[in-house]
N, C-alpha and C. Protein backbone atom coordinates (compact mmCIF):
# COMPACT_ATOMS: atom_id res chain seq x y z
N MET A 1 0.85 -1.18 0.00
CA MET A 1 0.00 0.00 0.00
C MET A 1 0.89 1.23 0.00
N ILE A 2 0.97 1.87 -1.13
CA ILE A 2 1.85 3.03 -1.24
C ILE A 2 1.21 4.30 -0.67
N THR A 3 -0.09 4.24 -0.37
CA THR A 3 -0.74 5.40 0.24
C THR A 3 -1.02 5.18 1.72
N GLY A 4 -0.90 3.94 2.17
CA GLY A 4 -1.26 3.63 3.55
C GLY A 4 -2.77 3.56 3.75
N LEU A 5 -3.51 3.64 2.66
CA LEU A 5 -4.97 3.63 2.72
C LEU A 5 -5.49 2.45 1.89
N ASP A 6 -6.63 1.91 2.26
CA ASP A 6 -7.23 0.80 1.54
C ASP A 6 -8.07 1.35 0.39
N LEU A 7 -7.44 1.49 -0.77
CA LEU A 7 -8.12 2.09 -1.92
C LEU A 7 -9.21 1.18 -2.49
N VAL A 8 -9.05 -0.12 -2.33
CA VAL A 8 -10.09 -1.05 -2.79
C VAL A 8 -11.36 -0.84 -1.97
N GLU A 9 -11.20 -0.67 -0.67
CA GLU A 9 -12.37 -0.39 0.17
C GLU A 9 -13.05 0.90 -0.31
N TRP A 10 -12.26 1.89 -0.65
CA TRP A 10 -12.83 3.14 -1.15
C TRP A 10 -13.60 2.92 -2.44
N GLN A 11 -13.06 2.09 -3.33
CA GLN A 11 -13.76 1.80 -4.59
C GLN A 11 -15.13 1.18 -4.30
N LEU A 12 -15.16 0.26 -3.35
CA LEU A 12 -16.43 -0.38 -3.01
C LEU A 12 -17.40 0.62 -2.39
N ARG A 13 -16.89 1.48 -1.55
CA ARG A 13 -17.76 2.49 -0.93
C ARG A 13 -18.31 3.47 -1.97
N ILE A 14 -17.48 3.87 -2.90
CA ILE A 14 -17.93 4.78 -3.96
C ILE A 14 -19.00 4.10 -4.82
N ALA A 15 -18.78 2.81 -5.13
CA ALA A 15 -19.77 2.05 -5.90
C ALA A 15 -21.10 1.97 -5.16
N ALA A 16 -21.05 2.04 -3.84
CA ALA A 16 -22.27 2.01 -3.02
C ALA A 16 -22.87 3.41 -2.85
N GLY A 17 -22.27 4.42 -3.49
CA GLY A 17 -22.83 5.76 -3.46
C GLY A 17 -22.23 6.68 -2.41
N GLU A 18 -21.23 6.21 -1.68
CA GLU A 18 -20.59 7.07 -0.67
C GLU A 18 -19.60 8.02 -1.34
N ARG A 19 -19.19 9.04 -0.61
CA ARG A 19 -18.22 10.01 -1.11
C ARG A 19 -16.82 9.63 -0.62
N LEU A 20 -15.80 10.11 -1.34
CA LEU A 20 -14.42 9.90 -0.91
C LEU A 20 -14.19 10.60 0.42
N PRO A 21 -13.45 9.98 1.34
CA PRO A 21 -13.22 10.60 2.64
C PRO A 21 -12.20 11.74 2.60
N ILE A 22 -11.29 11.74 1.59
CA ILE A 22 -10.33 12.84 1.44
C ILE A 22 -10.16 13.15 -0.04
N ALA A 23 -9.59 14.30 -0.33
CA ALA A 23 -9.38 14.72 -1.71
C ALA A 23 -8.07 14.16 -2.26
N GLN A 24 -7.96 14.05 -3.58
CA GLN A 24 -6.75 13.54 -4.25
C GLN A 24 -5.51 14.31 -3.79
N LYS A 25 -5.63 15.62 -3.66
CA LYS A 25 -4.48 16.45 -3.29
C LYS A 25 -3.96 16.14 -1.88
N ASP A 26 -4.80 15.49 -1.07
CA ASP A 26 -4.40 15.16 0.30
C ASP A 26 -3.73 13.78 0.42
N LEU A 27 -3.68 13.01 -0.67
CA LEU A 27 -3.02 11.70 -0.63
C LEU A 27 -1.51 11.88 -0.62
N ARG A 28 -0.85 11.07 0.15
CA ARG A 28 0.62 11.04 0.18
C ARG A 28 1.06 9.67 -0.30
N VAL A 29 1.87 9.66 -1.35
CA VAL A 29 2.32 8.42 -1.97
C VAL A 29 3.79 8.18 -1.62
N SER A 30 4.09 6.95 -1.21
CA SER A 30 5.46 6.60 -0.87
C SER A 30 5.74 5.21 -1.43
N GLY A 31 6.64 5.11 -2.40
CA GLY A 31 7.00 3.81 -2.97
C GLY A 31 6.35 3.55 -4.30
N HIS A 32 6.31 2.28 -4.66
CA HIS A 32 5.78 1.86 -5.95
C HIS A 32 4.97 0.59 -5.78
N ALA A 33 4.06 0.34 -6.71
CA ALA A 33 3.31 -0.92 -6.74
C ALA A 33 3.32 -1.42 -8.18
N ILE A 34 3.64 -2.69 -8.35
CA ILE A 34 3.67 -3.29 -9.68
C ILE A 34 2.84 -4.57 -9.64
N GLU A 35 2.00 -4.74 -10.63
CA GLU A 35 1.23 -5.99 -10.75
C GLU A 35 1.52 -6.58 -12.10
N ALA A 36 1.79 -7.87 -12.13
CA ALA A 36 2.04 -8.57 -13.39
C ALA A 36 1.22 -9.85 -13.40
N ARG A 37 0.67 -10.18 -14.56
CA ARG A 37 -0.11 -11.40 -14.71
C ARG A 37 0.42 -12.17 -15.90
N VAL A 38 0.43 -13.47 -15.79
CA VAL A 38 0.86 -14.34 -16.88
C VAL A 38 -0.34 -15.18 -17.29
N TYR A 39 -0.66 -15.16 -18.57
CA TYR A 39 -1.78 -15.93 -19.09
C TYR A 39 -1.30 -16.88 -20.16
N ALA A 40 -1.92 -18.05 -20.25
CA ALA A 40 -1.69 -18.98 -21.35
C ALA A 40 -2.95 -18.94 -22.20
N GLU A 41 -2.84 -18.36 -23.39
CA GLU A 41 -3.98 -18.22 -24.29
C GLU A 41 -3.57 -18.69 -25.68
N ASP A 42 -4.55 -19.18 -26.42
CA ASP A 42 -4.29 -19.68 -27.77
C ASP A 42 -4.81 -18.66 -28.79
N PRO A 43 -3.92 -17.91 -29.47
CA PRO A 43 -4.37 -16.91 -30.44
C PRO A 43 -5.10 -17.53 -31.63
N ASN A 44 -4.86 -18.81 -31.90
CA ASN A 44 -5.55 -19.47 -33.02
C ASN A 44 -6.97 -19.89 -32.66
N ARG A 45 -7.32 -19.78 -31.38
CA ARG A 45 -8.68 -20.12 -30.92
C ARG A 45 -9.32 -18.91 -30.25
N ASP A 46 -9.13 -17.74 -30.87
CA ASP A 46 -9.71 -16.50 -30.37
C ASP A 46 -9.27 -16.21 -28.93
N PHE A 47 -8.02 -16.55 -28.62
CA PHE A 47 -7.39 -16.29 -27.32
C PHE A 47 -8.10 -16.96 -26.15
N LEU A 48 -8.68 -18.13 -26.39
CA LEU A 48 -9.25 -18.91 -25.30
C LEU A 48 -8.13 -19.38 -24.38
N PRO A 49 -8.43 -19.62 -23.12
CA PRO A 49 -7.39 -20.15 -22.22
C PRO A 49 -6.84 -21.47 -22.77
N ALA A 50 -5.56 -21.66 -22.59
CA ALA A 50 -4.90 -22.86 -23.09
C ALA A 50 -3.91 -23.35 -22.04
N ALA A 51 -3.53 -24.61 -22.16
CA ALA A 51 -2.51 -25.14 -21.26
C ALA A 51 -1.18 -24.48 -21.58
N GLY A 52 -0.42 -24.24 -20.57
CA GLY A 52 0.88 -23.63 -20.78
C GLY A 52 1.80 -24.00 -19.63
N ARG A 53 3.07 -23.83 -19.84
CA ARG A 53 4.04 -24.17 -18.80
C ARG A 53 5.00 -23.00 -18.63
N ILE A 54 5.23 -22.63 -17.41
CA ILE A 54 6.23 -21.61 -17.12
C ILE A 54 7.55 -22.34 -16.91
N ALA A 55 8.53 -22.05 -17.77
CA ALA A 55 9.81 -22.76 -17.71
C ALA A 55 10.71 -22.20 -16.61
N HIS A 56 10.59 -20.92 -16.29
CA HIS A 56 11.44 -20.32 -15.27
C HIS A 56 10.70 -19.14 -14.65
N LEU A 57 10.72 -19.08 -13.34
CA LEU A 57 10.11 -17.96 -12.63
C LEU A 57 10.96 -17.65 -11.41
N ALA A 58 11.44 -16.44 -11.31
CA ALA A 58 12.25 -16.02 -10.16
C ALA A 58 11.52 -14.86 -9.47
N LEU A 59 11.07 -15.08 -8.26
CA LEU A 59 10.37 -14.05 -7.50
C LEU A 59 11.34 -13.41 -6.51
N PRO A 60 11.15 -12.13 -6.22
CA PRO A 60 12.02 -11.48 -5.24
C PRO A 60 11.73 -12.00 -3.84
N ALA A 61 12.70 -11.91 -2.98
CA ALA A 61 12.51 -12.30 -1.58
C ALA A 61 11.59 -11.28 -0.91
N GLU A 62 10.67 -11.77 -0.11
CA GLU A 62 9.78 -10.86 0.62
C GLU A 62 10.54 -10.20 1.76
N SER A 63 10.13 -8.96 2.05
CA SER A 63 10.75 -8.22 3.14
C SER A 63 9.72 -7.22 3.66
N GLY A 64 10.16 -6.33 4.48
CA GLY A 64 9.26 -5.28 4.96
C GLY A 64 8.84 -4.33 3.86
N HIS A 65 9.56 -4.38 2.72
CA HIS A 65 9.26 -3.48 1.60
C HIS A 65 8.75 -4.21 0.38
N VAL A 66 8.79 -5.54 0.39
CA VAL A 66 8.39 -6.32 -0.78
C VAL A 66 7.37 -7.37 -0.36
N ARG A 67 6.23 -7.39 -1.06
CA ARG A 67 5.20 -8.40 -0.84
C ARG A 67 4.95 -9.11 -2.17
N VAL A 68 4.95 -10.42 -2.15
CA VAL A 68 4.71 -11.20 -3.36
C VAL A 68 3.45 -12.03 -3.14
N GLU A 69 2.51 -11.93 -4.06
CA GLU A 69 1.30 -12.74 -4.00
C GLU A 69 1.22 -13.55 -5.28
N THR A 70 0.98 -14.85 -5.17
CA THR A 70 0.80 -15.68 -6.35
C THR A 70 -0.51 -16.44 -6.22
N VAL A 71 -1.25 -16.48 -7.32
CA VAL A 71 -2.53 -17.18 -7.36
C VAL A 71 -2.62 -17.86 -8.71
N CYS A 72 -3.03 -19.12 -8.71
CA CYS A 72 -3.24 -19.79 -10.00
C CYS A 72 -4.29 -20.88 -9.84
N GLY A 73 -4.84 -21.28 -10.96
CA GLY A 73 -5.79 -22.39 -10.95
C GLY A 73 -7.17 -21.98 -11.41
N PRO A 74 -8.02 -22.97 -11.67
CA PRO A 74 -9.37 -22.71 -12.18
C PRO A 74 -10.23 -21.90 -11.24
N ALA A 75 -10.03 -22.04 -9.93
CA ALA A 75 -10.83 -21.27 -8.98
C ALA A 75 -10.57 -19.77 -9.15
N THR A 76 -9.34 -19.41 -9.49
CA THR A 76 -9.01 -18.01 -9.71
C THR A 76 -9.82 -17.46 -10.87
N ARG A 77 -9.88 -18.22 -11.95
CA ARG A 77 -10.61 -17.77 -13.13
C ARG A 77 -12.06 -17.50 -12.78
N SER A 78 -12.69 -18.38 -12.01
CA SER A 78 -14.10 -18.20 -11.70
C SER A 78 -14.31 -16.99 -10.79
N ARG A 79 -13.34 -16.65 -9.95
CA ARG A 79 -13.49 -15.47 -9.10
C ARG A 79 -13.29 -14.19 -9.87
N LEU A 80 -12.45 -14.22 -10.92
CA LEU A 80 -12.14 -13.00 -11.63
C LEU A 80 -13.20 -12.64 -12.67
N LEU A 81 -13.95 -13.62 -13.14
CA LEU A 81 -14.96 -13.35 -14.16
C LEU A 81 -16.24 -12.83 -13.52
N ARG A 82 -16.88 -11.91 -14.22
CA ARG A 82 -18.19 -11.45 -13.77
C ARG A 82 -19.18 -12.60 -13.98
N PRO A 83 -20.23 -12.69 -13.17
CA PRO A 83 -21.16 -13.83 -13.28
C PRO A 83 -21.68 -14.06 -14.70
N HIS A 84 -22.01 -13.02 -15.44
CA HIS A 84 -22.55 -13.24 -16.78
C HIS A 84 -21.48 -13.70 -17.78
N ASP A 85 -20.20 -13.57 -17.44
CA ASP A 85 -19.12 -14.06 -18.31
C ASP A 85 -18.81 -15.53 -18.05
N ARG A 86 -19.16 -16.04 -16.88
CA ARG A 86 -18.75 -17.39 -16.51
C ARG A 86 -19.29 -18.44 -17.46
N GLN A 87 -20.56 -18.32 -17.87
CA GLN A 87 -21.16 -19.33 -18.74
C GLN A 87 -20.38 -19.44 -20.05
N ALA A 88 -19.97 -18.33 -20.59
CA ALA A 88 -19.22 -18.33 -21.87
C ALA A 88 -17.85 -18.97 -21.72
N HIS A 89 -17.31 -19.04 -20.51
CA HIS A 89 -15.97 -19.57 -20.30
C HIS A 89 -15.98 -20.99 -19.72
N ARG A 90 -17.15 -21.60 -19.60
CA ARG A 90 -17.21 -22.96 -19.08
C ARG A 90 -16.73 -23.94 -20.15
N PRO A 91 -15.95 -24.95 -19.74
CA PRO A 91 -15.50 -25.94 -20.73
C PRO A 91 -16.67 -26.76 -21.23
N GLY A 92 -16.52 -27.22 -22.48
CA GLY A 92 -17.53 -28.13 -23.06
C GLY A 92 -18.59 -27.39 -23.68
């Protein structure tokens, strides 16, 4: 958290019609945040998910300044898709 604030919570509150608790100019940012995702998709099948293998992956060591989160598997896909998208992505 480079702001020290839970911005995801704020997004949910705004979606529920609440107002932001502070203005943009009052945010203090310290550090950086990077998110990377790796997907296995088949461009010959309209980029449908495909089997793939990661041959090498080197993650940084976690510390007080570095947090690493990894998630993979079919359960992840079902959580990331909106409910109306799930039917289109079901196998078979």
